[in-house]
Amino acid sequence: MSLKSFATPLTIASFITSAATGLLMFFGVKAGLVVPVHEWVSILFVAGGILHVVANGRATLAHLRRPVGATLACVCTVVAVAAVLPSRGGANPHHVLRQSMDALLDTDIQGVAALTKRPEREVKEGLARAGFTAPDGAASLRAIAKASGRPPLELLAAALPEARPEGR
């Protein structure tokens, strides 16, 4: 099997899957396996793209020497670099979300009770119903999750009150 006969179908198939899941995510559909499939297939797409460029090196260079190819390559490179730089308008929302989650996971049950305006007993009961064992003392949520052998996000879901639709 030649490199071209493998690289081109891999690139096409992974593009179709990545494009479909990317569009679903763009329109807010992130249920089921949409996000992990998109992430993993994107890696296959990159691999297929690299193999495709290697297999078609002369043709790729010919396209990049033309004004349209050179312009598109430059624009895409600038967009990719800009995507990883901090925004000028403020903090990166993903970074802020991560910092907030880390701060919450480093909080103890008493702190969660205060943040959610619920009695400490209610927070502990929610954790117990979800199968988490809250030790006595001021253990952080992260420590409780680790001691329970469970992911921290599962613990957060159990510790925080259930979201209610607006207006209720």
Protein backbone atom coordinates (compact mmCIF):
# COMPACT_ATOMS: atom_id res chain seq x y z
CA MET A 1 0.00 0.00 0.00
CA SER A 2 1.46 3.35 -1.00
CA LEU A 3 1.53 6.38 1.28
CA LYS A 4 -0.88 8.24 -1.03
CA SER A 5 -3.40 5.41 -1.02
CA PHE A 6 -3.47 5.55 2.80
CA ALA A 7 -3.00 9.27 3.54
CA THR A 8 -5.72 10.60 1.25
CA PRO A 9 -8.58 8.36 2.53
CA LEU A 10 -7.47 8.97 6.13
CA THR A 11 -7.53 12.73 5.55
CA ILE A 12 -10.94 12.64 3.86
CA ALA A 13 -12.59 10.35 6.42
CA SER A 14 -11.22 12.19 9.43
CA PHE A 15 -12.15 15.56 7.88
CA ILE A 16 -15.77 14.45 7.42
CA THR A 17 -16.02 13.22 11.01
CA SER A 18 -14.20 16.22 12.45
CA ALA A 19 -16.31 18.65 10.42
CA ALA A 20 -19.57 16.98 11.45
CA THR A 21 -18.73 16.90 15.16
CA GLY A 22 -17.28 20.41 14.99
CA LEU A 23 -20.52 21.74 13.51
CA LEU A 24 -22.52 19.92 16.19
CA MET A 25 -20.39 21.54 18.90
CA PHE A 26 -20.67 24.95 17.22
CA PHE A 27 -24.46 24.66 17.44
CA GLY A 28 -24.33 23.60 21.09
CA VAL A 29 -24.67 19.82 20.73
CA LYS A 30 -22.04 18.37 23.05
CA ALA A 31 -23.91 15.32 24.36
CA GLY A 32 -22.73 11.76 24.23
CA LEU A 33 -19.42 11.20 22.49
CA VAL A 34 -19.47 14.32 20.29
CA VAL A 35 -16.61 16.12 22.05
CA PRO A 36 -14.25 13.16 22.63
CA VAL A 37 -14.83 11.86 19.09
CA HIS A 38 -14.09 15.33 17.71
CA GLU A 39 -10.89 15.61 19.75
CA TRP A 40 -9.55 12.16 18.87
CA VAL A 41 -10.53 12.26 15.22
CA SER A 42 -8.89 15.70 14.96
CA ILE A 43 -5.60 14.02 15.87
CA LEU A 44 -6.18 11.53 13.05
CA PHE A 45 -6.99 14.43 10.74
CA VAL A 46 -3.69 16.13 11.60
CA ALA A 47 -1.82 12.86 11.06
CA GLY A 48 -3.59 12.30 7.75
CA GLY A 49 -2.86 15.86 6.70
CA ILE A 50 0.83 15.51 7.47
CA LEU A 51 1.02 12.20 5.62
CA HIS A 52 -0.87 13.74 2.70
CA VAL A 53 1.57 16.67 2.52
CA VAL A 54 4.54 14.27 2.68
CA ALA A 55 3.06 12.06 -0.03
CA ASN A 56 2.25 15.04 -2.24
CA GLY A 57 5.21 17.27 -1.38
CA ARG A 58 5.83 18.72 -4.85
CA ALA A 59 2.17 19.53 -5.44
CA THR A 60 1.93 21.10 -1.96
CA LEU A 61 4.92 23.34 -2.64
CA ALA A 62 3.50 24.31 -6.02
CA HIS A 63 0.23 25.40 -4.34
CA LEU A 64 2.09 27.35 -1.65
CA ARG A 65 4.11 29.24 -4.28
CA ARG A 66 0.93 30.66 -5.79
CA PRO A 67 -0.50 33.86 -4.25
CA VAL A 68 -3.75 32.21 -3.13
CA GLY A 69 -1.98 29.29 -1.47
CA ALA A 70 0.61 31.52 0.21
CA THR A 71 -2.07 33.93 1.45
CA LEU A 72 -4.26 31.17 2.86
CA ALA A 73 -1.29 29.53 4.57
CA CYS A 74 -0.28 32.86 6.16
CA VAL A 75 -3.81 33.73 7.27
CA CYS A 76 -4.34 30.29 8.82
CA THR A 77 -0.98 30.48 10.61
CA VAL A 78 -1.83 33.92 12.05
CA VAL A 79 -5.25 32.67 13.20
CA ALA A 80 -3.69 29.59 14.83
CA VAL A 81 -1.11 31.69 16.68
CA ALA A 82 -3.75 34.23 17.75
CA ALA A 83 -5.93 31.42 19.09
CA VAL A 84 -3.34 30.43 21.68
CA LEU A 85 -2.39 33.95 22.79
CA PRO A 86 -4.19 35.65 25.70
CA SER A 87 -6.92 37.98 24.50
CA ARG A 88 -6.41 41.74 24.84
CA GLY A 89 -9.98 42.24 26.02
CA GLY A 90 -9.44 40.34 29.23
CA ALA A 91 -8.80 36.89 30.54
CA ASN A 92 -9.28 33.77 28.49
CA PRO A 93 -12.70 32.40 29.56
CA HIS A 94 -11.39 28.81 29.60
CA HIS A 95 -8.53 29.89 31.89
CA VAL A 96 -10.92 31.70 34.23
CA LEU A 97 -13.21 28.67 34.31
CA ARG A 98 -10.27 26.40 35.15
CA GLN A 99 -9.08 28.74 37.92
CA SER A 100 -12.60 28.91 39.37
CA MET A 101 -12.95 25.13 39.32
CA ASP A 102 -9.54 24.69 40.97
CA ALA A 103 -10.46 27.21 43.69
CA LEU A 104 -13.74 25.40 44.34
CA LEU A 105 -12.02 21.99 44.48
CA ASP A 106 -9.56 23.39 47.02
CA THR A 107 -12.44 24.53 49.25
CA ASP A 108 -13.68 22.42 52.15
CA ILE A 109 -17.30 21.41 52.82
CA GLN A 110 -17.84 24.40 55.10
CA GLY A 111 -16.70 26.71 52.30
CA VAL A 112 -19.03 25.01 49.77
CA ALA A 113 -21.89 25.37 52.23
CA ALA A 114 -21.17 29.08 52.56
CA LEU A 115 -20.82 29.56 48.78
CA THR A 116 -24.09 27.74 48.03
CA LYS A 117 -25.95 29.21 51.04
CA ARG A 118 -26.87 25.77 52.32
CA PRO A 119 -26.29 24.10 55.66
CA GLU A 120 -23.06 22.10 55.89
CA ARG A 121 -25.16 19.03 56.79
CA GLU A 122 -27.02 19.30 53.46
CA VAL A 123 -23.76 19.38 51.48
CA LYS A 124 -22.47 16.32 53.38
CA GLU A 125 -25.74 14.46 52.77
CA GLY A 126 -25.52 15.16 49.05
CA LEU A 127 -21.99 13.80 48.96
CA ALA A 128 -23.01 10.71 50.94
CA ARG A 129 -25.95 10.02 48.57
CA ALA A 130 -23.49 10.14 45.67
CA GLY A 131 -21.18 7.67 47.43
CA PHE A 132 -18.52 10.06 48.67
CA THR A 133 -17.15 9.73 52.17
CA ALA A 134 -16.54 13.11 53.74
CA PRO A 135 -13.92 12.75 56.47
CA ASP A 136 -14.14 14.80 59.62
CA GLY A 137 -12.13 17.99 59.54
CA ALA A 138 -11.46 20.47 56.81
CA ALA A 139 -10.59 18.23 53.87
CA SER A 140 -10.81 19.90 50.47
CA LEU A 141 -13.23 18.63 47.85
CA ARG A 142 -10.22 17.50 45.82
CA ALA A 143 -8.95 15.43 48.80
CA ILE A 144 -12.40 13.91 49.34
CA ALA A 145 -12.61 12.90 45.67
CA LYS A 146 -9.13 11.39 45.82
CA ALA A 147 -9.90 9.49 49.03
CA SER A 148 -13.09 8.18 47.43
CA GLY A 149 -11.23 7.15 44.26
CA ARG A 150 -13.56 9.23 42.11
CA PRO A 151 -13.08 12.10 39.65
CA PRO A 152 -13.27 15.60 41.16
CA LEU A 153 -15.97 16.68 38.68
CA GLU A 154 -18.29 13.93 39.96
CA LEU A 155 -17.79 15.29 43.46
CA LEU A 156 -18.55 18.84 42.30
CA ALA A 157 -21.79 17.64 40.72
CA ALA A 158 -22.77 16.03 44.04
CA ALA A 159 -21.65 18.97 46.20
CA LEU A 160 -23.33 21.76 44.27
CA PRO A 161 -27.09 22.31 44.36
CA GLU A 162 -29.04 21.21 41.33
CA ALA A 163 -29.46 24.05 38.85
CA ARG A 164 -32.99 25.35 38.54
CA PRO A 165 -34.35 26.93 35.36
CA GLU A 166 -34.69 30.70 35.55
CA GLY A 167 -37.99 31.99 36.86
CA ARG A 168 -38.56 29.13 39.31
